[in-house]
PDB file of N, CA and C in Angstrom:
ATOM      1  N   MET A   1      55.265  14.797  -3.130  1.00  0.00           N
ATOM      2  CA  MET A   1      55.520  14.367  -1.772  1.00  0.00           C
ATOM      3  C   MET A   1      54.212  14.331  -0.976  1.00  0.00           C
ATOM      4  N   ILE A   2      53.501  15.435  -0.979  1.00  0.00           N
ATOM      5  CA  ILE A   2      52.247  15.491  -0.247  1.00  0.00           C
ATOM      6  C   ILE A   2      51.216  14.562  -0.885  1.00  0.00           C
ATOM      7  N   SER A   3      51.198  14.525  -2.213  1.00  0.00           N
ATOM      8  CA  SER A   3      50.222  13.689  -2.887  1.00  0.00           C
ATOM      9  C   SER A   3      50.475  12.203  -2.621  1.00  0.00           C
ATOM     10  N   SER A   4      51.721  11.785  -2.512  1.00  0.00           N
ATOM     11  CA  SER A   4      52.010  10.378  -2.233  1.00  0.00           C
ATOM     12  C   SER A   4      51.572  10.009  -0.818  1.00  0.00           C
ATOM     13  N   ARG A   5      51.744  10.946   0.138  1.00  0.00           N
ATOM     14  CA  ARG A   5      51.272  10.693   1.500  1.00  0.00           C
ATOM     15  C   ARG A   5      49.747  10.619   1.541  1.00  0.00           C
ATOM     16  N   LEU A   6      49.112  11.508   0.808  1.00  0.00           N
ATOM     17  CA  LEU A   6      47.651  11.517   0.772  1.00  0.00           C
ATOM     18  C   LEU A   6      47.125  10.242   0.130  1.00  0.00           C
ATOM     19  N   LEU A   7      47.758   9.825  -0.950  1.00  0.00           N
ATOM     20  CA  LEU A   7      47.349   8.606  -1.632  1.00  0.00           C
ATOM     21  C   LEU A   7      47.519   7.387  -0.726  1.00  0.00           C
ATOM     22  N   THR A   8      48.612   7.353   0.029  1.00  0.00           N
ATOM     23  CA  THR A   8      48.848   6.239   0.951  1.00  0.00           C
ATOM     24  C   THR A   8      47.795   6.226   2.049  1.00  0.00           C
ATOM     25  N   ALA A   9      47.441   7.395   2.565  1.00  0.00           N
ATOM     26  CA  ALA A   9      46.431   7.476   3.621  1.00  0.00           C
ATOM     27  C   ALA A   9      45.061   7.068   3.101  1.00  0.00           C
ATOM     28  N   VAL A  10      44.735   7.499   1.895  1.00  0.00           N
ATOM     29  CA  VAL A  10      43.439   7.155   1.308  1.00  0.00           C
ATOM     30  C   VAL A  10      43.385   5.663   1.020  1.00  0.00           C
ATOM     31  N   ALA A  11      44.461   5.097   0.485  1.00  0.00           N
ATOM     32  CA  ALA A  11      44.491   3.672   0.170  1.00  0.00           C
ATOM     33  C   ALA A  11      44.379   2.833   1.436  1.00  0.00           C
ATOM     34  N   ALA A  12      44.967   3.273   2.523  1.00  0.00           N
ATOM     35  CA  ALA A  12      44.897   2.525   3.774  1.00  0.00           C
ATOM     36  C   ALA A  12      43.479   2.521   4.325  1.00  0.00           C
ATOM     37  N   ASN A  13      42.746   3.602   4.130  1.00  0.00           N
ATOM     38  CA  ASN A  13      41.378   3.700   4.634  1.00  0.00           C
ATOM     39  C   ASN A  13      40.356   3.115   3.662  1.00  0.00           C
ATOM     40  N   ALA A  14      40.777   2.765   2.451  1.00  0.00           N
ATOM     41  CA  ALA A  14      39.848   2.282   1.440  1.00  0.00           C
ATOM     42  C   ALA A  14      39.465   0.823   1.635  1.00  0.00           C
ATOM     43  N   VAL A  15      40.186   0.109   2.459  1.00  0.00           N
ATOM     44  CA  VAL A  15      39.877  -1.301   2.690  1.00  0.00           C
ATOM     45  C   VAL A  15      38.611  -1.385   3.530  1.00  0.00           C
ATOM     46  N   GLN A  16      37.641  -2.138   3.030  1.00  0.00           N
ATOM     47  CA  GLN A  16      36.382  -2.260   3.745  1.00  0.00           C
ATOM     48  C   GLN A  16      36.398  -3.497   4.635  1.00  0.00           C
ATOM     49  N   LYS A  17      35.845  -3.334   5.790  1.00  0.00           N
ATOM     50  CA  LYS A  17      35.706  -4.461   6.703  1.00  0.00           C
ATOM     51  C   LYS A  17      34.242  -4.881   6.679  1.00  0.00           C
ATOM     52  N   ARG A  18      34.014  -6.174   6.542  1.00  0.00           N
ATOM     53  CA  ARG A  18      32.649  -6.677   6.449  1.00  0.00           C
ATOM     54  C   ARG A  18      32.262  -7.397   7.731  1.00  0.00           C
ATOM     55  N   SER A  19      31.042  -7.173   8.105  1.00  0.00           N
ATOM     56  CA  SER A  19      30.465  -7.866   9.243  1.00  0.00           C
ATOM     57  C   SER A  19      29.171  -8.500   8.755  1.00  0.00           C
ATOM     58  N   ILE A  20      29.214  -9.792   8.469  1.00  0.00           N
ATOM     59  CA  ILE A  20      28.068 -10.468   7.878  1.00  0.00           C
ATOM     60  C   ILE A  20      27.518 -11.475   8.881  1.00  0.00           C
ATOM     61  N   SER A  21      26.207 -11.415   9.065  1.00  0.00           N
ATOM     62  CA  SER A  21      25.527 -12.393   9.903  1.00  0.00           C
ATOM     63  C   SER A  21      24.601 -13.208   9.015  1.00  0.00           C
ATOM     64  N   VAL A  22      24.780 -14.506   9.020  1.00  0.00           N
ATOM     65  CA  VAL A  22      23.942 -15.387   8.219  1.00  0.00           C
ATOM     66  C   VAL A  22      23.134 -16.251   9.172  1.00  0.00           C
ATOM     67  N   ILE A  23      21.824 -16.214   8.991  1.00  0.00           N
ATOM     68  CA  ILE A  23      20.948 -17.035   9.814  1.00  0.00           C
ATOM     69  C   ILE A  23      20.290 -18.052   8.892  1.00  0.00           C
ATOM     70  N   ALA A  24      20.624 -19.307   9.074  1.00  0.00           N
ATOM     71  CA  ALA A  24      20.048 -20.358   8.245  1.00  0.00           C
ATOM     72  C   ALA A  24      18.883 -20.990   8.982  1.00  0.00           C
ATOM     73  N   GLY A  25      17.824 -21.220   8.257  1.00  0.00           N
ATOM     74  CA  GLY A  25      16.671 -21.873   8.857  1.00  0.00           C
ATOM     75  C   GLY A  25      15.388 -21.340   8.254  1.00  0.00           C
ATOM     76  N   PRO A  26      14.275 -21.832   8.711  1.00  0.00           N
ATOM     77  CA  PRO A  26      12.993 -21.378   8.169  1.00  0.00           C
ATOM     78  C   PRO A  26      12.680 -19.935   8.578  1.00  0.00           C
ATOM     79  N   ALA A  27      11.826 -19.311   7.790  1.00  0.00           N
ATOM     80  CA  ALA A  27      11.434 -17.928   8.079  1.00  0.00           C
ATOM     81  C   ALA A  27      10.641 -17.866   9.379  1.00  0.00           C
ATOM     82  N   ARG A  28      10.759 -16.754  10.059  1.00  0.00           N
ATOM     83  CA  ARG A  28      10.027 -16.588  11.319  1.00  0.00           C
ATOM     84  C   ARG A  28       8.556 -16.313  11.070  1.00  0.00           C
ATOM     85  N   VAL A  29       8.288 -15.511  10.032  1.00  0.00           N
ATOM     86  CA  VAL A  29       6.902 -15.149   9.712  1.00  0.00           C
ATOM     87  C   VAL A  29       6.579 -15.736   8.348  1.00  0.00           C
ATOM     88  N   ARG A  30       5.536 -16.538   8.284  1.00  0.00           N
ATOM     89  CA  ARG A  30       5.133 -17.168   7.039  1.00  0.00           C
ATOM     90  C   ARG A  30       4.277 -16.193   6.240  1.00  0.00           C
ATOM     91  N   ILE A  31       4.609 -16.022   4.953  1.00  0.00           N
ATOM     92  CA  ILE A  31       3.832 -15.148   4.072  1.00  0.00           C
ATOM     93  C   ILE A  31       2.861 -16.023   3.293  1.00  0.00           C
ATOM     94  N   PRO A  32       1.573 -15.694   3.327  1.00  0.00           N
ATOM     95  CA  PRO A  32       0.579 -16.516   2.626  1.00  0.00           C
ATOM     96  C   PRO A  32       0.836 -16.562   1.116  1.00  0.00           C
ATOM     97  N   LYS A  33       0.458 -17.709   0.505  1.00  0.00           N
ATOM     98  CA  LYS A  33       0.667 -17.885  -0.929  1.00  0.00           C
ATOM     99  C   LYS A  33      -0.119 -16.864  -1.743  1.00  0.00           C
ATOM    100  N   ALA A  34      -1.290 -16.483  -1.284  1.00  0.00           N
ATOM    101  CA  ALA A  34      -2.098 -15.491  -2.002  1.00  0.00           C
ATOM    102  C   ALA A  34      -1.364 -14.149  -2.059  1.00  0.00           C
ATOM    103  N   GLU A  35      -0.764 -13.761  -0.962  1.00  0.00           N
ATOM    104  CA  GLU A  35      -0.029 -12.494  -0.926  1.00  0.00           C
ATOM    105  C   GLU A  35       1.191 -12.550  -1.844  1.00  0.00           C
ATOM    106  N   LYS A  36       1.898 -13.688  -1.848  1.00  0.00           N
ATOM    107  CA  LYS A  36       3.040 -13.848  -2.750  1.00  0.00           C
ATOM    108  C   LYS A  36       2.591 -13.759  -4.205  1.00  0.00           C
ATOM    109  N   PHE A  37       1.474 -14.406  -4.517  1.00  0.00           N
ATOM    110  CA  PHE A  37       0.958 -14.407  -5.881  1.00  0.00           C
ATOM    111  C   PHE A  37       0.586 -12.990  -6.325  1.00  0.00           C
ATOM    112  N   ILE A  38      -0.107 -12.253  -5.469  1.00  0.00           N
ATOM    113  CA  ILE A  38      -0.525 -10.886  -5.800  1.00  0.00           C
ATOM    114  C   ILE A  38       0.689  -9.975  -5.972  1.00  0.00           C
ATOM    115  N   LEU A  39       1.635 -10.038  -5.048  1.00  0.00           N
ATOM    116  CA  LEU A  39       2.816  -9.178  -5.135  1.00  0.00           C
ATOM    117  C   LEU A  39       3.685  -9.528  -6.343  1.00  0.00           C
ATOM    118  N   THR A  40       3.792 -10.813  -6.663  1.00  0.00           N
ATOM    119  CA  THR A  40       4.537 -11.219  -7.853  1.00  0.00           C
ATOM    120  C   THR A  40       3.859 -10.707  -9.105  1.00  0.00           C
ATOM    121  N   GLY A  41       2.526 -10.766  -9.145  1.00  0.00           N
ATOM    122  CA  GLY A  41       1.781 -10.242 -10.292  1.00  0.00           C
ATOM    123  C   GLY A  41       1.991  -8.750 -10.480  1.00  0.00           C
ATOM    124  N   ILE A  42       1.994  -8.007  -9.379  1.00  0.00           N
ATOM    125  CA  ILE A  42       2.230  -6.562  -9.451  1.00  0.00           C
ATOM    126  C   ILE A  42       3.649  -6.285  -9.957  1.00  0.00           C
ATOM    127  N   LEU A  43       4.615  -7.041  -9.478  1.00  0.00           N
ATOM    128  CA  LEU A  43       6.004  -6.856  -9.894  1.00  0.00           C
ATOM    129  C   LEU A  43       6.175  -7.152 -11.383  1.00  0.00           C
ATOM    130  N   VAL A  44       5.621  -8.254 -11.849  1.00  0.00           N
ATOM    131  CA  VAL A  44       5.737  -8.615 -13.260  1.00  0.00           C
ATOM    132  C   VAL A  44       5.007  -7.603 -14.132  1.00  0.00           C
ATOM    133  N   ALA A  45       3.830  -7.161 -13.705  1.00  0.00           N
ATOM    134  CA  ALA A  45       3.080  -6.163 -14.475  1.00  0.00           C
ATOM    135  C   ALA A  45       3.864  -4.855 -14.571  1.00  0.00           C
ATOM    136  N   SER A  46       4.547  -4.480 -13.507  1.00  0.00           N
ATOM    137  CA  SER A  46       5.324  -3.238 -13.553  1.00  0.00           C
ATOM    138  C   SER A  46       6.534  -3.379 -14.475  1.00  0.00           C
ATOM    139  N   TRP A  47       7.112  -4.580 -14.573  1.00  0.00           N
ATOM    140  CA  TRP A  47       8.232  -4.810 -15.486  1.00  0.00           C
ATOM    141  C   TRP A  47       7.789  -4.779 -16.936  1.00  0.00           C
ATOM    142  N   ILE A  48       6.576  -5.260 -17.201  1.00  0.00           N
ATOM    143  CA  ILE A  48       6.094  -5.391 -18.575  1.00  0.00           C
ATOM    144  C   ILE A  48       5.469  -4.090 -19.094  1.00  0.00           C
ATOM    145  N   THR A  49       4.949  -3.253 -18.231  1.00  0.00           N
ATOM    146  CA  THR A  49       4.193  -2.067 -18.637  1.00  0.00           C
ATOM    147  C   THR A  49       5.017  -1.102 -19.493  1.00  0.00           C
ATOM    148  N   VAL A  50       6.170  -0.685 -19.044  1.00  0.00           N
ATOM    149  CA  VAL A  50       6.958   0.316 -19.771  1.00  0.00           C
ATOM    150  C   VAL A  50       7.430  -0.200 -21.131  1.00  0.00           C
ATOM    151  N   PRO A  51       8.047  -1.389 -21.218  1.00  0.00           N
ATOM    152  CA  PRO A  51       8.429  -1.876 -22.550  1.00  0.00           C
ATOM    153  C   PRO A  51       7.221  -2.084 -23.464  1.00  0.00           C
ATOM    154  N   GLY A  52       6.114  -2.527 -22.905  1.00  0.00           N
ATOM    155  CA  GLY A  52       4.901  -2.699 -23.706  1.00  0.00           C
ATOM    156  C   GLY A  52       4.393  -1.375 -24.246  1.00  0.00           C
ATOM    157  N   TRP A  53       4.444  -0.347 -23.418  1.00  0.00           N
ATOM    158  CA  TRP A  53       4.023   0.992 -23.845  1.00  0.00           C
ATOM    159  C   TRP A  53       4.910   1.496 -24.985  1.00  0.00           C
ATOM    160  N   VAL A  54       6.195   1.308 -24.837  1.00  0.00           N
ATOM    161  CA  VAL A  54       7.138   1.764 -25.867  1.00  0.00           C
ATOM    162  C   VAL A  54       6.896   1.009 -27.164  1.00  0.00           C
ATOM    163  N   LEU A  55       6.738  -0.301 -27.099  1.00  0.00           N
ATOM    164  CA  LEU A  55       6.493  -1.080 -28.313  1.00  0.00           C
ATOM    165  C   LEU A  55       5.168  -0.711 -28.966  1.00  0.00           C
ATOM    166  N   ALA A  56       4.152  -0.433 -28.158  1.00  0.00           N
ATOM    167  CA  ALA A  56       2.852  -0.070 -28.707  1.00  0.00           C
ATOM    168  C   ALA A  56       2.884   1.292 -29.404  1.00  0.00           C
ATOM    169  N   HIS A  57       3.768   2.177 -28.996  1.00  0.00           N
ATOM    170  CA  HIS A  57       3.837   3.528 -29.552  1.00  0.00           C
ATOM    171  C   HIS A  57       5.105   3.756 -30.380  1.00  0.00           C
ATOM    172  N   MET A  58       5.689   2.679 -30.883  1.00  0.00           N
ATOM    173  CA  MET A  58       6.930   2.778 -31.640  1.00  0.00           C
ATOM    174  C   MET A  58       6.779   3.654 -32.892  1.00  0.00           C
ATOM    175  N   LYS A  59       5.660   3.567 -33.562  1.00  0.00           N
ATOM    176  CA  LYS A  59       5.449   4.378 -34.768  1.00  0.00           C
ATOM    177  C   LYS A  59       5.443   5.870 -34.422  1.00  0.00           C
ATOM    178  N   GLN A  60       4.843   6.214 -33.306  1.00  0.00           N
ATOM    179  CA  GLN A  60       4.822   7.618 -32.890  1.00  0.00           C
ATOM    180  C   GLN A  60       6.234   8.102 -32.566  1.00  0.00           C
ATOM    181  N   TYR A  61       7.008   7.267 -31.892  1.00  0.00           N
ATOM    182  CA  TYR A  61       8.364   7.661 -31.522  1.00  0.00           C
ATOM    183  C   TYR A  61       9.260   7.838 -32.763  1.00  0.00           C
ATOM    184  N   ARG A  62       9.024   7.039 -33.785  1.00  0.00           N
ATOM    185  CA  ARG A  62       9.807   7.154 -35.013  1.00  0.00           C
ATOM    186  C   ARG A  62       9.304   8.270 -35.913  1.00  0.00           C
ATOM    187  N   GLY A  63       8.118   8.792 -35.648  1.00  0.00           N
ATOM    188  CA  GLY A  63       7.555   9.858 -36.443  1.00  0.00           C
ATOM    189  C   GLY A  63       6.854   9.389 -37.701  1.00  0.00           C
ATOM    190  N   LEU A  64       6.510   8.096 -37.748  1.00  0.00           N
ATOM    191  CA  LEU A  64       5.844   7.551 -38.922  1.00  0.00           C
ATOM    192  C   LEU A  64       4.349   7.808 -38.903  1.00  0.00           C
ATOM    193  N   GLU A  65       3.785   7.956 -37.742  1.00  0.00           N
ATOM    194  CA  GLU A  65       2.348   8.190 -37.604  1.00  0.00           C
ATOM    195  C   GLU A  65       2.104   9.693 -37.478  1.00  0.00           C
ATOM    196  N   LYS A  66       1.142  10.198 -38.237  1.00  0.00           N
ATOM    197  CA  LYS A  66       0.893  11.651 -38.221  1.00  0.00           C
ATOM    198  C   LYS A  66      -0.271  12.028 -37.366  1.00  0.00           C
TER     199      LYS A  66
END
């Protein structure tokens, strides 16, 4: 009895209401192409570093290298 009331109350409050504002149009502040290029390079390098490290040291992780 109590659990069904609690479940009903929780289910009623579980519905989320969204408030979305969409602004279409050009950006207010222009970001220079050089800055985009540098930041993209940093992002790609950070994505590649960890898998590259793991692949480079795969023999050590498997215990094949002494």
